Amino acid sequence: MATKRPGRARSKHAIPMASIRYVDGSTHDVPFSQLRLKHFTESEPWRRVRSVHGMTHYSGDYACATTGGHVVYESRLELARLLLADFDPAVCGIHAQPCRMVARVDGRVRSHVPDFLLAMRSGTVRVVNVKPASRLDDPKVEQALAWPGRLIERHGWEYEIWSGAERTLVENVRFLAGYRHPGVVPEDEVERAWREVVDGEEMAIAERRLAGDGKPEEARPPLMALLWAGRLTTDLAARPLSGECVLRRRG
């Protein structure tokens, strides 16, 4: 028996694996070549996210409109990427810390937990790692992010290393996220705004018309809800949201 143990140890990680945790407390190990989106149904984040006094990073739970539940994040940068994913109409599913990847890389067993897995309406899957740009030149960080990317892309999924976006875009989406849940703005007000908004007009003009004898700012929430839902669009990267923003109808 002793002569067989080294062989078994060597073969244990010969095949790249993904370990997934589920809400019922179980853990499932799947060969990465067999991994499918269906394996993440009823899954939960690999790590427990806890907030402790004095901790240097910022973590929490985000009430996600896309999933209808909470999605964890471990930094403000992760929260920014999560906001953009929730706002993106191309995204239909979001999993934080979806699995632990284990593979033998250059003779050494390596493990990695990606930050997010995004299910796209196109049918593809995108795995996202969030890392500050200031750390990407660190050889250890570069190596830690490279091998998962090679494995993911060989599997036919997309791989993204995200270090941020235009601040104006992120702050605009963060503001619109206040209107992301149904019922925040009465549905009849949203539908009335949708019927009356003219394609190509400035937001201030639309607000004045919708408000009638009332204050223009009282007509703003339905427009924000329509922007979050993607039924109205405007250039969110060009400037902070204001009355000068030009509204476009979609669909």
Protein backbone atom coordinates (compact mmCIF):
# COMPACT_ATOMS: atom_id res chain seq x y z
CA MET A 1 0.00 0.00 0.00
CA ALA A 2 2.81 2.41 0.81
CA THR A 3 4.12 2.24 -2.74
CA LYS A 4 0.75 3.35 -4.14
CA ARG A 5 0.22 6.44 -2.02
CA PRO A 6 2.55 8.76 -3.98
CA GLY A 7 0.80 7.85 -7.22
CA ARG A 8 -2.60 8.55 -5.73
CA ALA A 9 -1.37 11.86 -4.36
CA ARG A 10 -0.01 12.85 -7.76
CA SER A 11 -3.22 11.89 -9.54
CA LYS A 12 -5.53 13.60 -7.04
CA HIS A 13 -5.16 16.98 -8.74
CA ALA A 14 -4.25 15.77 -12.22
CA ILE A 15 -7.66 16.89 -13.45
CA PRO A 16 -8.73 20.52 -12.80
CA MET A 17 -11.72 20.57 -10.49
CA ALA A 18 -14.37 23.02 -9.31
CA SER A 19 -15.84 22.73 -5.82
CA ILE A 20 -19.28 24.27 -5.30
CA ARG A 21 -21.15 24.83 -2.04
CA TYR A 22 -24.93 24.63 -1.83
CA VAL A 23 -27.52 26.17 0.44
CA ASP A 24 -28.31 22.75 1.95
CA GLY A 25 -24.76 22.57 3.32
CA SER A 26 -23.40 20.09 0.79
CA THR A 27 -20.32 20.50 -1.40
CA HIS A 28 -20.04 19.10 -4.91
CA ASP A 29 -16.74 18.55 -6.76
CA VAL A 30 -17.04 18.72 -10.55
CA PRO A 31 -14.28 18.13 -13.13
CA PHE A 32 -13.83 21.54 -14.71
CA SER A 33 -14.29 20.11 -18.20
CA GLN A 34 -17.80 19.01 -17.15
CA LEU A 35 -18.76 22.23 -15.38
CA ARG A 36 -22.01 23.79 -16.57
CA LEU A 37 -24.11 26.76 -15.48
CA LYS A 38 -26.73 24.37 -14.08
CA HIS A 39 -24.25 23.30 -11.41
CA PHE A 40 -24.65 26.72 -9.75
CA THR A 41 -28.39 26.39 -9.19
CA GLU A 42 -29.06 26.63 -5.42
CA SER A 43 -25.36 27.31 -4.80
CA GLU A 44 -23.97 29.76 -2.26
CA PRO A 45 -20.70 31.73 -2.05
CA TRP A 46 -17.64 29.63 -1.34
CA ARG A 47 -16.48 31.94 1.46
CA ARG A 48 -18.46 33.43 4.29
CA VAL A 49 -18.29 37.22 4.18
CA ARG A 50 -18.14 38.81 7.61
CA SER A 51 -17.75 42.42 8.66
CA VAL A 52 -15.45 42.86 11.65
CA HIS A 53 -14.60 46.13 13.38
CA GLY A 54 -11.23 47.39 12.19
CA MET A 55 -11.08 45.31 9.01
CA THR A 56 -9.33 47.08 6.14
CA HIS A 57 -11.74 46.09 3.38
CA TYR A 58 -15.38 46.91 2.81
CA SER A 59 -17.77 43.97 2.49
CA GLY A 60 -21.50 43.42 2.57
CA ASP A 61 -24.64 42.10 0.90
CA TYR A 62 -26.15 43.79 -2.14
CA ALA A 63 -29.90 43.45 -2.76
CA CYS A 64 -29.70 42.46 -6.42
CA ALA A 65 -32.51 43.22 -8.87
CA THR A 66 -31.25 40.65 -11.38
CA THR A 67 -31.36 37.71 -8.96
CA GLY A 68 -34.08 38.91 -6.59
CA GLY A 69 -31.79 38.01 -3.68
CA HIS A 70 -28.61 39.17 -1.99
CA VAL A 71 -25.16 38.96 -3.57
CA VAL A 72 -22.06 39.30 -1.40
CA TYR A 73 -19.07 41.52 -2.13
CA GLU A 74 -15.76 41.99 -0.35
CA SER A 75 -14.66 45.48 -1.41
CA ARG A 76 -15.97 48.75 -2.79
CA LEU A 77 -14.41 47.84 -6.13
CA GLU A 78 -16.34 44.55 -6.16
CA LEU A 79 -19.51 46.45 -5.30
CA ALA A 80 -18.94 48.75 -8.29
CA ARG A 81 -18.59 45.76 -10.63
CA LEU A 82 -21.68 44.21 -9.08
CA LEU A 83 -23.71 47.39 -9.65
CA LEU A 84 -22.73 47.45 -13.31
CA ALA A 85 -23.61 43.76 -13.72
CA ASP A 86 -27.01 44.31 -12.09
CA PHE A 87 -27.62 47.25 -14.44
CA ASP A 88 -26.50 45.37 -17.57
CA PRO A 89 -29.50 43.99 -19.53
CA ALA A 90 -27.21 41.35 -21.04
CA VAL A 91 -26.74 39.74 -17.60
CA CYS A 92 -29.43 37.35 -16.35
CA GLY A 93 -27.66 35.70 -13.41
CA ILE A 94 -24.99 36.65 -10.88
CA HIS A 95 -23.08 34.36 -8.50
CA ALA A 96 -20.48 35.73 -6.09
CA GLN A 97 -17.50 33.51 -5.21
CA PRO A 98 -19.10 30.78 -7.31
CA CYS A 99 -16.61 28.00 -6.67
CA ARG A 100 -13.10 27.01 -5.70
CA MET A 101 -10.96 26.08 -8.68
CA VAL A 102 -8.15 23.59 -8.05
CA ALA A 103 -5.54 22.58 -10.64
CA ARG A 104 -1.95 21.50 -10.91
CA VAL A 105 0.01 24.36 -12.46
CA ASP A 106 3.72 23.97 -13.26
CA GLY A 107 3.93 21.02 -10.92
CA ARG A 108 2.26 22.84 -8.03
CA VAL A 109 -1.33 22.48 -6.81
CA ARG A 110 -3.04 25.86 -6.99
CA SER A 111 -6.49 26.96 -5.85
CA HIS A 112 -8.51 30.06 -6.66
CA VAL A 113 -11.95 31.48 -5.86
CA PRO A 114 -13.22 33.87 -8.59
CA ASP A 115 -15.12 36.96 -7.50
CA PHE A 116 -18.16 36.64 -9.77
CA LEU A 117 -19.76 34.38 -12.31
CA LEU A 118 -22.17 36.13 -14.70
CA ALA A 119 -24.74 34.25 -16.73
CA MET A 120 -25.35 36.14 -19.97
CA ARG A 121 -28.61 36.18 -21.93
CA SER A 122 -26.60 35.13 -24.98
CA GLY A 123 -26.03 31.77 -23.29
CA THR A 124 -22.38 32.24 -22.45
CA VAL A 125 -20.82 32.51 -19.01
CA ARG A 126 -18.36 35.19 -17.89
CA VAL A 127 -16.08 34.70 -14.90
CA VAL A 128 -14.88 37.95 -13.36
CA ASN A 129 -11.97 38.71 -11.07
CA VAL A 130 -11.86 42.18 -9.55
CA LYS A 131 -8.45 43.60 -8.73
CA PRO A 132 -7.19 47.20 -8.32
CA ALA A 133 -5.08 48.35 -11.26
CA SER A 134 -2.26 49.20 -8.86
CA ARG A 135 -1.82 45.50 -8.05
CA LEU A 136 -1.85 44.08 -11.56
CA ASP A 137 1.89 44.62 -12.05
CA ASP A 138 2.70 42.44 -9.05
CA PRO A 139 4.13 39.17 -10.51
CA LYS A 140 2.40 37.08 -7.82
CA VAL A 141 -0.96 38.68 -8.56
CA GLU A 142 -0.41 38.34 -12.30
CA GLN A 143 0.33 34.63 -11.92
CA ALA A 144 -2.59 34.07 -9.57
CA LEU A 145 -4.99 35.59 -12.11
CA ALA A 146 -3.43 34.08 -15.24
CA TRP A 147 -3.87 30.33 -14.71
CA PRO A 148 -7.60 30.52 -13.88
CA GLY A 149 -8.08 32.61 -17.00
CA ARG A 150 -6.40 30.02 -19.19
CA LEU A 151 -8.52 27.25 -17.70
CA ILE A 152 -11.76 29.22 -18.04
CA GLU A 153 -11.12 30.26 -21.63
CA ARG A 154 -10.15 26.70 -22.64
CA HIS A 155 -13.51 25.70 -21.21
CA GLY A 156 -15.24 28.07 -23.65
CA TRP A 157 -16.29 30.66 -21.07
CA GLU A 158 -15.31 34.31 -20.99
CA TYR A 159 -12.75 35.62 -18.51
CA GLU A 160 -12.54 39.20 -17.29
CA ILE A 161 -10.09 40.97 -15.00
CA TRP A 162 -11.84 44.17 -13.93
CA SER A 163 -10.08 47.12 -12.33
CA GLY A 164 -12.73 49.81 -12.57
CA ALA A 165 -14.73 51.98 -14.95
CA GLU A 166 -15.27 55.67 -15.54
CA ARG A 167 -16.17 57.22 -12.21
CA THR A 168 -19.07 59.18 -13.71
CA LEU A 169 -20.60 55.99 -15.10
CA VAL A 170 -20.29 54.14 -11.80
CA GLU A 171 -21.75 57.01 -9.77
CA ASN A 172 -24.67 57.43 -12.18
CA VAL A 173 -25.47 53.72 -12.01
CA ARG A 174 -25.11 53.81 -8.24
CA PHE A 175 -27.70 56.62 -8.12
CA LEU A 176 -30.08 54.81 -10.48
CA ALA A 177 -29.77 51.65 -8.37
CA GLY A 178 -31.97 53.36 -5.80
CA TYR A 179 -34.84 52.76 -8.25
CA ARG A 180 -33.95 49.17 -9.15
CA HIS A 181 -36.68 47.34 -7.27
CA PRO A 182 -40.32 47.14 -8.42
CA GLY A 183 -42.64 49.22 -6.28
CA VAL A 184 -40.14 51.92 -5.34
CA VAL A 185 -42.00 54.10 -7.84
CA PRO A 186 -45.73 53.38 -8.37
CA GLU A 187 -46.18 51.42 -11.58
CA ASP A 188 -48.87 53.72 -12.93
CA GLU A 189 -46.48 56.70 -12.66
CA VAL A 190 -43.76 54.77 -14.47
CA GLU A 191 -46.11 53.79 -17.29
CA ARG A 192 -47.47 57.33 -17.64
CA ALA A 193 -43.90 58.65 -17.94
CA TRP A 194 -43.13 56.00 -20.54
CA ARG A 195 -46.13 57.00 -22.64
CA GLU A 196 -45.32 60.70 -22.54
CA VAL A 197 -41.52 60.90 -22.86
CA VAL A 198 -40.47 62.11 -26.30
CA ASP A 199 -37.42 60.49 -27.84
CA GLY A 200 -34.48 62.92 -27.92
CA GLU A 201 -35.76 65.47 -25.39
CA GLU A 202 -33.79 66.69 -22.39
CA MET A 203 -34.72 65.34 -19.00
CA ALA A 204 -35.64 68.79 -17.65
CA ILE A 205 -38.19 69.26 -20.42
CA ALA A 206 -39.72 65.85 -19.77
CA GLU A 207 -39.91 66.59 -16.05
CA ARG A 208 -41.70 69.90 -16.54
CA ARG A 209 -44.29 68.35 -18.83
CA LEU A 210 -44.89 65.34 -16.59
CA ALA A 211 -45.15 67.50 -13.46
CA GLY A 212 -47.86 69.74 -14.89
CA ASP A 213 -48.68 72.21 -12.12
CA GLY A 214 -46.41 70.43 -9.66
CA LYS A 215 -42.69 70.71 -9.05
CA PRO A 216 -40.53 69.27 -11.86
CA GLU A 217 -38.45 67.19 -9.44
CA GLU A 218 -41.60 65.32 -8.42
CA ALA A 219 -41.65 63.78 -11.91
CA ARG A 220 -38.04 62.58 -11.68
CA PRO A 221 -38.47 59.17 -9.96
CA PRO A 222 -40.43 57.56 -12.83
CA LEU A 223 -37.73 58.67 -15.26
CA MET A 224 -35.02 57.20 -13.02
CA ALA A 225 -36.93 53.91 -12.84
CA LEU A 226 -37.20 53.83 -16.64
CA LEU A 227 -33.47 54.52 -16.99
CA TRP A 228 -32.60 51.71 -14.60
CA ALA A 229 -34.90 49.32 -16.45
CA GLY A 230 -33.25 50.28 -19.75
CA ARG A 231 -36.49 51.42 -21.33
CA LEU A 232 -34.97 54.88 -21.47
CA THR A 233 -31.27 55.46 -22.10
CA THR A 234 -28.87 58.37 -21.86
CA ASP A 235 -25.09 58.77 -21.93
CA LEU A 236 -24.23 57.85 -18.36
CA ALA A 237 -20.47 58.12 -18.89
CA ALA A 238 -20.44 61.66 -20.28
CA ARG A 239 -21.73 63.65 -17.31
CA PRO A 240 -23.53 63.32 -13.99
CA LEU A 241 -27.28 62.87 -14.36
CA SER A 242 -28.95 66.24 -14.73
CA GLY A 243 -31.74 68.02 -16.56
CA GLU A 244 -29.46 68.41 -19.59
CA CYS A 245 -29.25 64.67 -20.20
CA VAL A 246 -30.90 63.64 -23.48
CA LEU A 247 -33.37 60.77 -23.13
CA ARG A 248 -33.73 58.07 -25.76
CA ARG A 249 -36.54 55.54 -25.94
CA ARG A 250 -35.63 51.87 -26.33
CA GLY A 251 -38.01 49.18 -27.46
